[in-house]
Amino acid sequence: MTAIVIIPARYDSARFPGKPLAPLNGKPLIRHVYENSKKSKLAEDVIVATDSENIFNAVLEFGGKAVMTSKEHASGTDRIAEAAGALDYDIIVNVQGDEPLMKTEMIDDVIRLLDDKRAAMGTLVKKIENPEEIFDPNVVKAVFDKDGFAMYFSRAPIPYHRDEWKGLGRFTVHGLQAYRHLQLQARCAFKSCKNGTRGIGENRET
């Protein structure tokens, strides 16, 4: 199987406009993400998908690859789907443009999840160590079955207990996903599913 990393990067973020170009140790944030992704042993290439000429030009300036995409996309997943439409790869890996510290090995790990032919997409999880994160809506919780297949994702505790740290959802997702190319195009073809249940893109698959 062939794989490519596509990094969605928009300029007009409500919380931090221009974040992909914010400097970090003398380089724009997007360059750190790009260069880390290039170290993957399983991804054959890396491109940035953006709606900003500033980001597009910055990527080309440091020698990277970038494509322009629509400003109308509701999510980064929709943005990478547009970029992937013109490419011929079996697996598309979505690496968030604000994850400069993500370990390169994680990209290879998420690609390997699709060695299982039953899986249409894959994401990585980690155990929640801090009980406060169970009740933090910014921390997406995951529940999966005994074979490691996702059952549900939620910003609320799973199952919900108002005052206690209980339940199965003691894992949170990392900011990357791998999709089979055809499945990515199919999931983004349904406009009614753009934001996913509870504002979580992974719930389009569960």
N, C-alpha and C. Protein backbone atom coordinates (compact mmCIF):
# COMPACT_ATOMS: atom_id res chain seq x y z
N MET A 1 0.84 -1.20 0.00
CA MET A 1 0.00 0.00 0.00
C MET A 1 0.87 1.25 0.00
N THR A 2 0.45 2.25 -0.75
CA THR A 2 1.16 3.52 -0.78
C THR A 2 0.47 4.52 0.14
N ALA A 3 1.25 5.40 0.75
CA ALA A 3 0.68 6.34 1.72
C ALA A 3 1.30 7.72 1.56
N ILE A 4 0.51 8.73 1.85
CA ILE A 4 0.98 10.12 1.83
C ILE A 4 0.42 10.85 3.04
N VAL A 5 1.19 11.78 3.58
CA VAL A 5 0.72 12.65 4.65
C VAL A 5 0.22 13.95 4.03
N ILE A 6 -0.99 14.35 4.39
CA ILE A 6 -1.51 15.65 3.98
C ILE A 6 -1.78 16.45 5.25
N ILE A 7 -1.22 17.64 5.31
CA ILE A 7 -1.34 18.51 6.48
C ILE A 7 -2.31 19.64 6.16
N PRO A 8 -3.51 19.64 6.75
CA PRO A 8 -4.44 20.74 6.51
C PRO A 8 -4.01 21.97 7.32
N ALA A 9 -4.00 23.12 6.67
CA ALA A 9 -3.55 24.34 7.36
C ALA A 9 -4.37 25.52 6.87
N ARG A 10 -5.17 26.08 7.76
CA ARG A 10 -5.94 27.28 7.41
C ARG A 10 -5.38 28.47 8.17
N TYR A 11 -5.52 29.64 7.57
CA TYR A 11 -4.95 30.85 8.16
C TYR A 11 -5.92 31.53 9.13
N ASP A 12 -7.20 31.55 8.77
CA ASP A 12 -8.17 32.36 9.52
C ASP A 12 -8.81 31.59 10.67
N SER A 13 -7.98 31.09 11.57
CA SER A 13 -8.51 30.43 12.76
C SER A 13 -9.10 31.46 13.71
N ALA A 14 -10.25 31.12 14.30
CA ALA A 14 -10.91 32.05 15.22
C ALA A 14 -10.08 32.26 16.48
N ARG A 15 -9.42 31.20 16.95
CA ARG A 15 -8.67 31.29 18.21
C ARG A 15 -7.26 31.85 18.02
N PHE A 16 -6.64 31.56 16.86
CA PHE A 16 -5.25 31.98 16.67
C PHE A 16 -5.01 32.18 15.17
N PRO A 17 -5.44 33.32 14.62
CA PRO A 17 -5.22 33.57 13.19
C PRO A 17 -3.74 33.51 12.83
N GLY A 18 -3.44 32.82 11.74
CA GLY A 18 -2.06 32.73 11.28
C GLY A 18 -1.20 31.76 12.05
N LYS A 19 -1.81 30.90 12.85
CA LYS A 19 -1.04 29.99 13.71
C LYS A 19 -0.01 29.15 12.95
N PRO A 20 -0.32 28.60 11.76
CA PRO A 20 0.68 27.79 11.07
C PRO A 20 1.97 28.53 10.75
N LEU A 21 1.90 29.86 10.71
CA LEU A 21 3.10 30.65 10.40
C LEU A 21 3.75 31.23 11.64
N ALA A 22 3.20 30.94 12.81
CA ALA A 22 3.80 31.44 14.05
C ALA A 22 5.20 30.86 14.22
N PRO A 23 6.17 31.68 14.62
CA PRO A 23 7.55 31.19 14.73
C PRO A 23 7.76 30.29 15.95
N LEU A 24 8.55 29.26 15.77
CA LEU A 24 8.94 28.36 16.85
C LEU A 24 10.39 27.95 16.60
N ASN A 25 11.28 28.40 17.47
CA ASN A 25 12.71 28.12 17.31
C ASN A 25 13.23 28.52 15.93
N GLY A 26 12.77 29.68 15.47
CA GLY A 26 13.30 30.22 14.23
C GLY A 26 12.64 29.71 12.96
N LYS A 27 11.63 28.86 13.09
CA LYS A 27 10.93 28.32 11.92
C LYS A 27 9.43 28.48 12.12
N PRO A 28 8.67 28.64 11.02
CA PRO A 28 7.21 28.65 11.19
C PRO A 28 6.72 27.28 11.66
N LEU A 29 5.65 27.28 12.42
CA LEU A 29 5.10 26.06 13.00
C LEU A 29 4.87 24.99 11.92
N ILE A 30 4.34 25.41 10.78
CA ILE A 30 4.02 24.45 9.73
C ILE A 30 5.27 23.74 9.21
N ARG A 31 6.41 24.41 9.26
CA ARG A 31 7.64 23.77 8.80
C ARG A 31 8.06 22.65 9.74
N HIS A 32 7.91 22.86 11.04
CA HIS A 32 8.23 21.79 12.00
C HIS A 32 7.37 20.56 11.74
N VAL A 33 6.07 20.78 11.52
CA VAL A 33 5.16 19.66 11.27
C VAL A 33 5.54 18.95 9.98
N TYR A 34 5.84 19.72 8.96
CA TYR A 34 6.21 19.17 7.65
C TYR A 34 7.49 18.33 7.75
N GLU A 35 8.51 18.89 8.38
CA GLU A 35 9.79 18.19 8.46
C GLU A 35 9.70 16.94 9.32
N ASN A 36 8.91 16.98 10.39
CA ASN A 36 8.71 15.78 11.19
C ASN A 36 8.00 14.70 10.38
N SER A 37 7.01 15.11 9.60
CA SER A 37 6.25 14.15 8.79
C SER A 37 7.13 13.52 7.71
N LYS A 38 8.07 14.27 7.18
CA LYS A 38 8.96 13.75 6.14
C LYS A 38 9.85 12.62 6.64
N LYS A 39 9.99 12.50 7.95
CA LYS A 39 10.84 11.46 8.52
C LYS A 39 10.13 10.10 8.59
N SER A 40 8.85 10.08 8.25
CA SER A 40 8.11 8.82 8.27
C SER A 40 8.75 7.81 7.33
N LYS A 41 8.81 6.56 7.77
CA LYS A 41 9.38 5.50 6.95
C LYS A 41 8.35 4.90 5.99
N LEU A 42 7.07 5.10 6.27
CA LEU A 42 6.03 4.47 5.47
C LEU A 42 5.30 5.43 4.53
N ALA A 43 5.29 6.71 4.87
CA ALA A 43 4.66 7.70 3.99
C ALA A 43 5.64 8.10 2.90
N GLU A 44 5.19 8.04 1.67
CA GLU A 44 6.08 8.31 0.54
C GLU A 44 6.25 9.80 0.25
N ASP A 45 5.32 10.61 0.71
CA ASP A 45 5.43 12.04 0.45
C ASP A 45 4.61 12.80 1.48
N VAL A 46 4.80 14.13 1.49
CA VAL A 46 4.08 15.02 2.40
C VAL A 46 3.70 16.27 1.63
N ILE A 47 2.45 16.71 1.77
CA ILE A 47 2.04 17.98 1.19
C ILE A 47 1.18 18.73 2.21
N VAL A 48 1.15 20.04 2.06
CA VAL A 48 0.29 20.90 2.88
C VAL A 48 -0.91 21.31 2.03
N ALA A 49 -2.10 21.16 2.58
CA ALA A 49 -3.33 21.61 1.91
C ALA A 49 -3.83 22.85 2.64
N THR A 50 -3.88 23.97 1.95
CA THR A 50 -4.21 25.22 2.61
C THR A 50 -5.16 26.07 1.78
N ASP A 51 -5.78 27.04 2.44
CA ASP A 51 -6.63 28.00 1.75
C ASP A 51 -5.98 29.38 1.75
N SER A 52 -4.71 29.43 2.15
CA SER A 52 -4.02 30.71 2.32
C SER A 52 -2.80 30.80 1.41
N GLU A 53 -2.72 31.87 0.65
CA GLU A 53 -1.54 32.08 -0.19
C GLU A 53 -0.30 32.31 0.67
N ASN A 54 -0.48 32.91 1.84
CA ASN A 54 0.66 33.14 2.73
C ASN A 54 1.27 31.81 3.18
N ILE A 55 0.41 30.87 3.58
CA ILE A 55 0.91 29.56 4.00
C ILE A 55 1.48 28.81 2.80
N PHE A 56 0.78 28.86 1.67
CA PHE A 56 1.24 28.21 0.45
C PHE A 56 2.65 28.68 0.09
N ASN A 57 2.86 29.98 0.08
CA ASN A 57 4.17 30.53 -0.30
C ASN A 57 5.24 30.21 0.74
N ALA A 58 4.86 30.19 2.02
CA ALA A 58 5.82 29.88 3.07
C ALA A 58 6.33 28.44 2.94
N VAL A 59 5.43 27.53 2.59
CA VAL A 59 5.82 26.12 2.43
C VAL A 59 6.76 25.98 1.23
N LEU A 60 6.42 26.61 0.12
CA LEU A 60 7.29 26.54 -1.05
C LEU A 60 8.65 27.16 -0.76
N GLU A 61 8.66 28.20 0.05
CA GLU A 61 9.91 28.90 0.36
C GLU A 61 10.90 28.00 1.09
N PHE A 62 10.40 27.12 1.98
CA PHE A 62 11.35 26.23 2.67
C PHE A 62 11.54 24.90 1.93
N GLY A 63 11.02 24.81 0.70
CA GLY A 63 11.26 23.63 -0.12
C GLY A 63 10.21 22.55 -0.01
N GLY A 64 9.08 22.85 0.64
CA GLY A 64 8.02 21.87 0.79
C GLY A 64 7.05 21.89 -0.37
N LYS A 65 6.06 21.00 -0.30
CA LYS A 65 5.02 20.92 -1.32
C LYS A 65 3.69 21.37 -0.71
N ALA A 66 2.92 22.11 -1.50
CA ALA A 66 1.64 22.61 -1.00
C ALA A 66 0.65 22.72 -2.16
N VAL A 67 -0.63 22.63 -1.81
CA VAL A 67 -1.70 22.84 -2.79
C VAL A 67 -2.73 23.78 -2.18
N MET A 68 -3.35 24.57 -3.04
CA MET A 68 -4.41 25.47 -2.60
C MET A 68 -5.75 24.72 -2.63
N THR A 69 -6.56 24.95 -1.59
CA THR A 69 -7.87 24.33 -1.50
C THR A 69 -8.91 25.40 -1.18
N SER A 70 -10.17 25.00 -1.22
CA SER A 70 -11.27 25.93 -1.00
C SER A 70 -11.27 26.51 0.41
N LYS A 71 -11.77 27.74 0.53
CA LYS A 71 -11.94 28.37 1.84
C LYS A 71 -13.24 27.93 2.51
N GLU A 72 -14.06 27.16 1.81
CA GLU A 72 -15.39 26.82 2.30
C GLU A 72 -15.44 25.54 3.12
N HIS A 73 -14.34 24.86 3.29
CA HIS A 73 -14.36 23.57 3.98
C HIS A 73 -14.72 23.74 5.46
N ALA A 74 -15.55 22.81 5.94
CA ALA A 74 -15.98 22.86 7.34
C ALA A 74 -14.96 22.23 8.28
N SER A 75 -14.05 21.44 7.75
CA SER A 75 -13.08 20.75 8.61
C SER A 75 -11.80 20.48 7.84
N GLY A 76 -10.75 20.16 8.59
CA GLY A 76 -9.49 19.79 7.97
C GLY A 76 -9.60 18.52 7.16
N THR A 77 -10.49 17.61 7.58
CA THR A 77 -10.67 16.36 6.84
C THR A 77 -11.23 16.63 5.45
N ASP A 78 -12.17 17.56 5.36
CA ASP A 78 -12.71 17.92 4.06
C ASP A 78 -11.62 18.56 3.18
N ARG A 79 -10.73 19.30 3.82
CA ARG A 79 -9.65 19.95 3.07
C ARG A 79 -8.69 18.91 2.50
N ILE A 80 -8.32 17.91 3.31
CA ILE A 80 -7.39 16.91 2.79
C ILE A 80 -8.07 16.03 1.74
N ALA A 81 -9.39 15.86 1.85
CA ALA A 81 -10.11 15.08 0.84
C ALA A 81 -10.04 15.76 -0.52
N GLU A 82 -10.17 17.09 -0.52
CA GLU A 82 -10.04 17.81 -1.79
C GLU A 82 -8.65 17.63 -2.38
N ALA A 83 -7.63 17.79 -1.53
CA ALA A 83 -6.26 17.65 -2.01
C ALA A 83 -5.97 16.23 -2.49
N ALA A 84 -6.52 15.24 -1.78
CA ALA A 84 -6.27 13.84 -2.12
C ALA A 84 -6.95 13.43 -3.41
N GLY A 85 -8.00 14.16 -3.79
CA GLY A 85 -8.76 13.80 -4.98
C GLY A 85 -7.92 13.76 -6.24
N ALA A 86 -6.84 14.54 -6.28
CA ALA A 86 -5.99 14.58 -7.46
C ALA A 86 -4.77 13.67 -7.33
N LEU A 87 -4.72 12.89 -6.25
CA LEU A 87 -3.55 12.05 -5.98
C LEU A 87 -3.89 10.57 -6.11
N ASP A 88 -2.86 9.75 -6.25
CA ASP A 88 -3.07 8.32 -6.42
C ASP A 88 -2.31 7.56 -5.33
N TYR A 89 -2.86 7.60 -4.12
CA TYR A 89 -2.29 6.88 -2.99
C TYR A 89 -3.38 6.04 -2.34
N ASP A 90 -2.99 4.91 -1.77
CA ASP A 90 -3.96 4.04 -1.11
C ASP A 90 -4.40 4.59 0.23
N ILE A 91 -3.47 5.21 0.96
CA ILE A 91 -3.74 5.68 2.32
C ILE A 91 -3.40 7.16 2.43
N ILE A 92 -4.31 7.91 3.03
CA ILE A 92 -4.12 9.33 3.27
C ILE A 92 -4.02 9.54 4.78
N VAL A 93 -2.93 10.14 5.24
CA VAL A 93 -2.75 10.41 6.66
C VAL A 93 -2.96 11.89 6.92
N ASN A 94 -3.86 12.18 7.83
CA ASN A 94 -4.18 13.55 8.22
C ASN A 94 -3.37 13.90 9.47
N VAL A 95 -2.36 14.76 9.31
CA VAL A 95 -1.56 15.24 10.44
C VAL A 95 -1.90 16.71 10.67
N GLN A 96 -2.35 17.04 11.85
CA GLN A 96 -2.77 18.41 12.14
C GLN A 96 -1.58 19.37 12.03
N GLY A 97 -1.85 20.54 11.47
CA GLY A 97 -0.80 21.52 11.23
C GLY A 97 -0.27 22.21 12.47
N ASP A 98 -0.87 21.93 13.63
CA ASP A 98 -0.39 22.54 14.87
C ASP A 98 0.16 21.50 15.84
N GLU A 99 0.73 20.42 15.27
CA GLU A 99 1.29 19.34 16.09
C GLU A 99 2.79 19.19 15.83
N PRO A 100 3.60 20.22 16.15
CA PRO A 100 5.03 20.16 15.83
C PRO A 100 5.80 19.13 16.64
N LEU A 101 5.26 18.68 17.76
CA LEU A 101 5.97 17.75 18.63
C LEU A 101 5.52 16.30 18.44
N MET A 102 4.65 16.06 17.48
CA MET A 102 4.19 14.70 17.25
C MET A 102 5.35 13.81 16.80
N LYS A 103 5.47 12.64 17.42
CA LYS A 103 6.55 11.73 17.08
C LYS A 103 6.31 11.11 15.71
N THR A 104 7.37 11.06 14.91
CA THR A 104 7.26 10.52 13.56
C THR A 104 6.77 9.08 13.57
N GLU A 105 7.16 8.32 14.59
CA GLU A 105 6.76 6.92 14.67
C GLU A 105 5.25 6.76 14.71
N MET A 106 4.56 7.78 15.22
CA MET A 106 3.11 7.70 15.31
C MET A 106 2.47 7.67 13.92
N ILE A 107 3.08 8.36 12.96
CA ILE A 107 2.57 8.33 11.59
C ILE A 107 2.65 6.91 11.04
N ASP A 108 3.78 6.26 11.26
CA ASP A 108 3.94 4.89 10.79
C ASP A 108 2.99 3.94 11.52
N ASP A 109 2.78 4.19 12.80
CA ASP A 109 1.87 3.34 13.58
C ASP A 109 0.44 3.42 13.06
N VAL A 110 -0.01 4.64 12.72
CA VAL A 110 -1.39 4.78 12.27
C VAL A 110 -1.56 4.20 10.86
N ILE A 111 -0.52 4.26 10.05
CA ILE A 111 -0.57 3.63 8.72
C ILE A 111 -0.69 2.11 8.87
N ARG A 112 0.06 1.55 9.80
CA ARG A 112 0.05 0.09 10.00
C ARG A 112 -1.32 -0.42 10.45
N LEU A 113 -2.11 0.44 11.08
CA LEU A 113 -3.45 0.01 11.49
C LEU A 113 -4.28 -0.46 10.30
N LEU A 114 -4.00 0.10 9.12
CA LEU A 114 -4.78 -0.26 7.94
C LEU A 114 -4.24 -1.50 7.24
N ASP A 115 -3.26 -2.16 7.86
CA ASP A 115 -2.89 -3.50 7.39
C ASP A 115 -4.06 -4.47 7.59
N ASP A 116 -4.90 -4.14 8.57
CA ASP A 116 -6.12 -4.91 8.81
C ASP A 116 -7.15 -4.50 7.75
N LYS A 117 -7.48 -5.40 6.86
CA LYS A 117 -8.36 -5.08 5.74
C LYS A 117 -9.77 -4.68 6.19
N ARG A 118 -10.12 -5.01 7.44
CA ARG A 118 -11.45 -4.66 7.92
C ARG A 118 -11.57 -3.18 8.27
N ALA A 119 -10.43 -2.51 8.43
CA ALA A 119 -10.44 -1.11 8.89
C ALA A 119 -10.50 -0.15 7.71
N ALA A 120 -11.44 0.79 7.77
CA ALA A 120 -11.55 1.84 6.75
C ALA A 120 -10.72 3.06 7.11
N MET A 121 -10.54 3.28 8.41
CA MET A 121 -9.70 4.37 8.89
C MET A 121 -9.10 3.97 10.22
N GLY A 122 -8.08 4.68 10.64
CA GLY A 122 -7.45 4.38 11.92
C GLY A 122 -7.01 5.64 12.62
N THR A 123 -7.01 5.60 13.95
CA THR A 123 -6.50 6.70 14.75
C THR A 123 -5.81 6.11 15.97
N LEU A 124 -4.95 6.87 16.60
CA LEU A 124 -4.22 6.40 17.77
C LEU A 124 -4.84 6.96 19.04
N VAL A 125 -4.77 6.18 20.11
CA VAL A 125 -5.27 6.63 21.40
C VAL A 125 -4.19 6.48 22.46
N LYS A 126 -4.37 7.20 23.54
CA LYS A 126 -3.48 7.05 24.69
C LYS A 126 -4.33 7.04 25.95
N LYS A 127 -3.82 6.42 26.99
CA LYS A 127 -4.57 6.31 28.24
C LYS A 127 -4.61 7.66 28.94
N ILE A 128 -5.77 8.00 29.48
CA ILE A 128 -5.92 9.23 30.25
C ILE A 128 -5.42 8.99 31.67
N GLU A 129 -4.41 9.74 32.06
CA GLU A 129 -3.82 9.59 33.39
C GLU A 129 -4.40 10.58 34.40
N ASN A 130 -4.85 11.73 33.90
CA ASN A 130 -5.38 12.77 34.77
C ASN A 130 -6.91 12.69 34.80
N PRO A 131 -7.52 12.37 35.95
CA PRO A 131 -8.98 12.24 36.02
C PRO A 131 -9.73 13.47 35.55
N GLU A 132 -9.13 14.66 35.69
CA GLU A 132 -9.81 15.88 35.27
C GLU A 132 -10.08 15.89 33.77
N GLU A 133 -9.26 15.18 33.00
CA GLU A 133 -9.45 15.16 31.56
C GLU A 133 -10.71 14.40 31.15
N ILE A 134 -11.18 13.52 32.04
CA ILE A 134 -12.42 12.79 31.75
C ILE A 134 -13.58 13.76 31.56
N PHE A 135 -13.58 14.87 32.31
CA PHE A 135 -14.67 15.84 32.26
C PHE A 135 -14.34 17.05 31.39
N ASP A 136 -13.18 17.05 30.75
CA ASP A 136 -12.76 18.17 29.91
C ASP A 136 -13.31 17.98 28.49
N PRO A 137 -14.19 18.87 28.02
CA PRO A 137 -14.77 18.70 26.68
C PRO A 137 -13.75 18.88 25.56
N ASN A 138 -12.59 19.44 25.87
CA ASN A 138 -11.55 19.59 24.86
C ASN A 138 -10.75 18.30 24.67
N VAL A 139 -10.98 17.32 25.54
CA VAL A 139 -10.31 16.02 25.44
C VAL A 139 -11.32 15.02 24.89
N VAL A 140 -11.07 14.53 23.69
CA VAL A 140 -11.99 13.57 23.05
C VAL A 140 -11.71 12.17 23.59
N LYS A 141 -12.75 11.58 24.18
CA LYS A 141 -12.62 10.24 24.74
C LYS A 141 -13.01 9.18 23.70
N ALA A 142 -12.42 7.99 23.84
CA ALA A 142 -12.68 6.91 22.88
C ALA A 142 -13.03 5.62 23.61
N VAL A 143 -13.95 4.88 23.03
CA VAL A 143 -14.30 3.54 23.51
C VAL A 143 -14.11 2.59 22.34
N PHE A 144 -13.46 1.46 22.60
CA PHE A 144 -13.24 0.50 21.53
C PHE A 144 -13.47 -0.91 22.05
N ASP A 145 -13.68 -1.85 21.13
CA ASP A 145 -14.00 -3.22 21.53
C ASP A 145 -12.72 -4.01 21.79
N LYS A 146 -12.88 -5.29 22.08
CA LYS A 146 -11.74 -6.12 22.46
C LYS A 146 -10.74 -6.31 21.33
N ASP A 147 -11.18 -6.05 20.09
CA ASP A 147 -10.29 -6.17 18.94
C ASP A 147 -9.65 -4.85 18.55
N GLY A 148 -9.94 -3.79 19.33
CA GLY A 148 -9.35 -2.50 19.04
C GLY A 148 -10.12 -1.65 18.06
N PHE A 149 -11.35 -2.06 17.70
CA PHE A 149 -12.16 -1.28 16.78
C PHE A 149 -12.99 -0.26 17.56
N ALA A 150 -12.97 0.99 17.07
CA ALA A 150 -13.67 2.06 17.77
C ALA A 150 -15.17 1.83 17.76
N MET A 151 -15.79 2.11 18.91
CA MET A 151 -17.23 2.04 19.04
C MET A 151 -17.85 3.43 19.07
N TYR A 152 -17.16 4.37 19.74
CA TYR A 152 -17.71 5.71 19.87
C TYR A 152 -16.65 6.68 20.37
N PHE A 153 -16.83 7.95 20.01
CA PHE A 153 -15.98 9.03 20.50
C PHE A 153 -16.88 10.09 21.12
N SER A 154 -16.42 10.72 22.18
CA SER A 154 -17.25 11.72 22.85
C SER A 154 -16.39 12.74 23.59
N ARG A 155 -16.92 13.96 23.69
CA ARG A 155 -16.26 14.97 24.51
C ARG A 155 -16.70 14.85 25.97
N ALA A 156 -17.77 14.13 26.20
CA ALA A 156 -18.27 13.88 27.56
C ALA A 156 -17.73 12.53 28.05
N PRO A 157 -17.75 12.28 29.36
CA PRO A 157 -17.34 10.96 29.86
C PRO A 157 -18.21 9.87 29.25
N ILE A 158 -17.63 8.69 29.06
CA ILE A 158 -18.36 7.56 28.49
C ILE A 158 -18.27 6.37 29.44
N PRO A 159 -19.38 5.83 29.98
CA PRO A 159 -20.68 6.49 30.03
C PRO A 159 -20.63 7.67 30.99
N TYR A 160 -21.61 8.53 30.93
CA TYR A 160 -21.56 9.76 31.70
C TYR A 160 -21.88 9.53 33.17
N HIS A 161 -20.98 10.01 34.05
CA HIS A 161 -21.22 10.07 35.49
C HIS A 161 -20.86 11.48 35.93
N ARG A 162 -21.78 12.16 36.54
CA ARG A 162 -21.58 13.58 36.81
C ARG A 162 -20.41 13.86 37.73
N ASP A 163 -20.23 13.06 38.77
CA ASP A 163 -19.26 13.40 39.81
C ASP A 163 -18.15 12.37 39.99
N GLU A 164 -18.21 11.28 39.26
CA GLU A 164 -17.23 10.22 39.51
C GLU A 164 -16.45 9.89 38.25
N TRP A 165 -15.23 9.41 38.47
CA TRP A 165 -14.40 8.97 37.36
C TRP A 165 -14.65 7.49 37.14
N LYS A 166 -15.64 7.20 36.33
CA LYS A 166 -16.00 5.83 36.04
C LYS A 166 -16.15 5.67 34.53
N GLY A 167 -16.40 4.45 34.11
CA GLY A 167 -16.73 4.24 32.72
C GLY A 167 -15.58 3.69 31.90
N LEU A 168 -15.88 3.48 30.63
CA LEU A 168 -14.94 2.84 29.74
C LEU A 168 -14.04 3.83 29.02
N GLY A 169 -14.49 5.08 28.88
CA GLY A 169 -13.78 6.05 28.06
C GLY A 169 -12.57 6.64 28.74
N ARG A 170 -11.58 5.82 29.02
CA ARG A 170 -10.38 6.28 29.70
C ARG A 170 -9.22 6.44 28.73
N PHE A 171 -9.55 6.60 27.46
CA PHE A 171 -8.54 6.82 26.45
C PHE A 171 -8.92 8.05 25.64
N THR A 172 -7.90 8.78 25.19
CA THR A 172 -8.14 9.95 24.36
C THR A 172 -7.41 9.78 23.03
N VAL A 173 -7.89 10.46 22.01
CA VAL A 173 -7.32 10.29 20.67
C VAL A 173 -6.19 11.29 20.44
N HIS A 174 -5.23 10.88 19.60
CA HIS A 174 -4.18 11.78 19.15
C HIS A 174 -4.69 12.55 17.92
N GLY A 175 -3.97 13.59 17.54
CA GLY A 175 -4.42 14.45 16.45
C GLY A 175 -3.97 13.98 15.08
N LEU A 176 -4.17 12.71 14.76
CA LEU A 176 -3.90 12.24 13.41
C LEU A 176 -4.78 11.04 13.10
N GLN A 177 -5.09 10.88 11.82
CA GLN A 177 -5.90 9.77 11.36
C GLN A 177 -5.35 9.28 10.03
N ALA A 178 -5.58 8.01 9.74
CA ALA A 178 -5.24 7.44 8.44
C ALA A 178 -6.53 6.93 7.81
N TYR A 179 -6.72 7.23 6.52
CA TYR A 179 -7.92 6.82 5.80
C TYR A 179 -7.53 6.05 4.54
N ARG A 180 -8.34 5.08 4.20
CA ARG A 180 -8.24 4.53 2.85
C ARG A 180 -8.77 5.60 1.90
N HIS A 181 -8.11 5.75 0.77
CA HIS A 181 -8.42 6.86 -0.14
C HIS A 181 -9.90 6.89 -0.52
N LEU A 182 -10.43 5.78 -0.96
CA LEU A 182 -11.82 5.75 -1.41
C LEU A 182 -12.78 6.06 -0.27
N GLN A 183 -12.45 5.58 0.92
CA GLN A 183 -13.33 5.82 2.06
C GLN A 183 -13.33 7.30 2.44
N LEU A 184 -12.17 7.95 2.34
CA LEU A 184 -12.08 9.38 2.64
C LEU A 184 -12.96 10.18 1.69
N GLN A 185 -12.91 9.85 0.41
CA GLN A 185 -13.72 10.58 -0.56
C GLN A 185 -15.21 10.34 -0.31
N ALA A 186 -15.56 9.11 0.05
CA ALA A 186 -16.97 8.78 0.28
C ALA A 186 -17.52 9.51 1.50
N ARG A 187 -16.75 9.55 2.58
CA ARG A 187 -17.24 10.16 3.82
C ARG A 187 -17.43 11.66 3.67
N CYS A 188 -16.63 12.29 2.82
CA CYS A 188 -16.73 13.74 2.66
C CYS A 188 -17.71 14.13 1.55
N ALA A 189 -18.30 13.13 0.89
CA ALA A 189 -19.28 13.42 -0.15
C ALA A 189 -20.64 13.74 0.44
N PHE A 190 -20.86 13.37 1.72
CA PHE A 190 -22.14 13.59 2.36
C PHE A 190 -22.09 14.88 3.17
N LYS A 191 -22.66 15.95 2.64
CA LYS A 191 -22.58 17.26 3.29
C LYS A 191 -23.27 17.26 4.65
N SER A 192 -24.27 16.39 4.83
CA SER A 192 -24.97 16.36 6.11
C SER A 192 -24.10 15.80 7.22
N CYS A 193 -22.97 15.22 6.87
CA CYS A 193 -22.09 14.61 7.87
C CYS A 193 -20.83 15.43 8.09
N LYS A 194 -20.79 16.66 7.60
CA LYS A 194 -19.56 17.43 7.60
C LYS A 194 -18.90 17.54 8.97
N ASN A 195 -19.69 17.77 10.01
CA ASN A 195 -19.09 18.02 11.31
C ASN A 195 -19.07 16.81 12.22
N GLY A 196 -19.71 15.74 11.83
CA GLY A 196 -19.72 14.56 12.68
C GLY A 196 -20.59 14.77 13.92
N THR A 197 -20.91 13.69 14.60
CA THR A 197 -21.69 13.77 15.83
C THR A 197 -20.84 14.37 16.94
N ARG A 198 -21.43 15.30 17.70
CA ARG A 198 -20.75 15.98 18.80
C ARG A 198 -19.52 16.75 18.33
N GLY A 199 -19.49 17.14 17.04
CA GLY A 199 -18.37 17.91 16.54
C GLY A 199 -17.08 17.12 16.49
N ILE A 200 -17.17 15.81 16.35
CA ILE A 200 -16.00 14.94 16.33
C ILE A 200 -15.98 14.19 15.01
N GLY A 201 -14.97 14.45 14.19
CA GLY A 201 -14.93 13.87 12.86
C GLY A 201 -14.93 12.36 12.85
N GLU A 202 -14.26 11.73 13.84
CA GLU A 202 -14.18 10.28 13.85
C GLU A 202 -15.54 9.62 13.95
N ASN A 203 -16.53 10.32 14.51
CA ASN A 203 -17.85 9.72 14.67
C ASN A 203 -18.56 9.50 13.34
N ARG A 204 -18.01 10.02 12.25
CA ARG A 204 -18.58 9.71 10.95
C ARG A 204 -18.36 8.24 10.60
N GLU A 205 -17.35 7.63 11.22
CA GLU A 205 -17.03 6.25 10.89
C GLU A 205 -17.66 5.25 11.86
N THR A 206 -18.15 5.70 13.01
CA THR A 206 -18.62 4.76 14.02
C THR A 206 -20.12 4.62 13.99
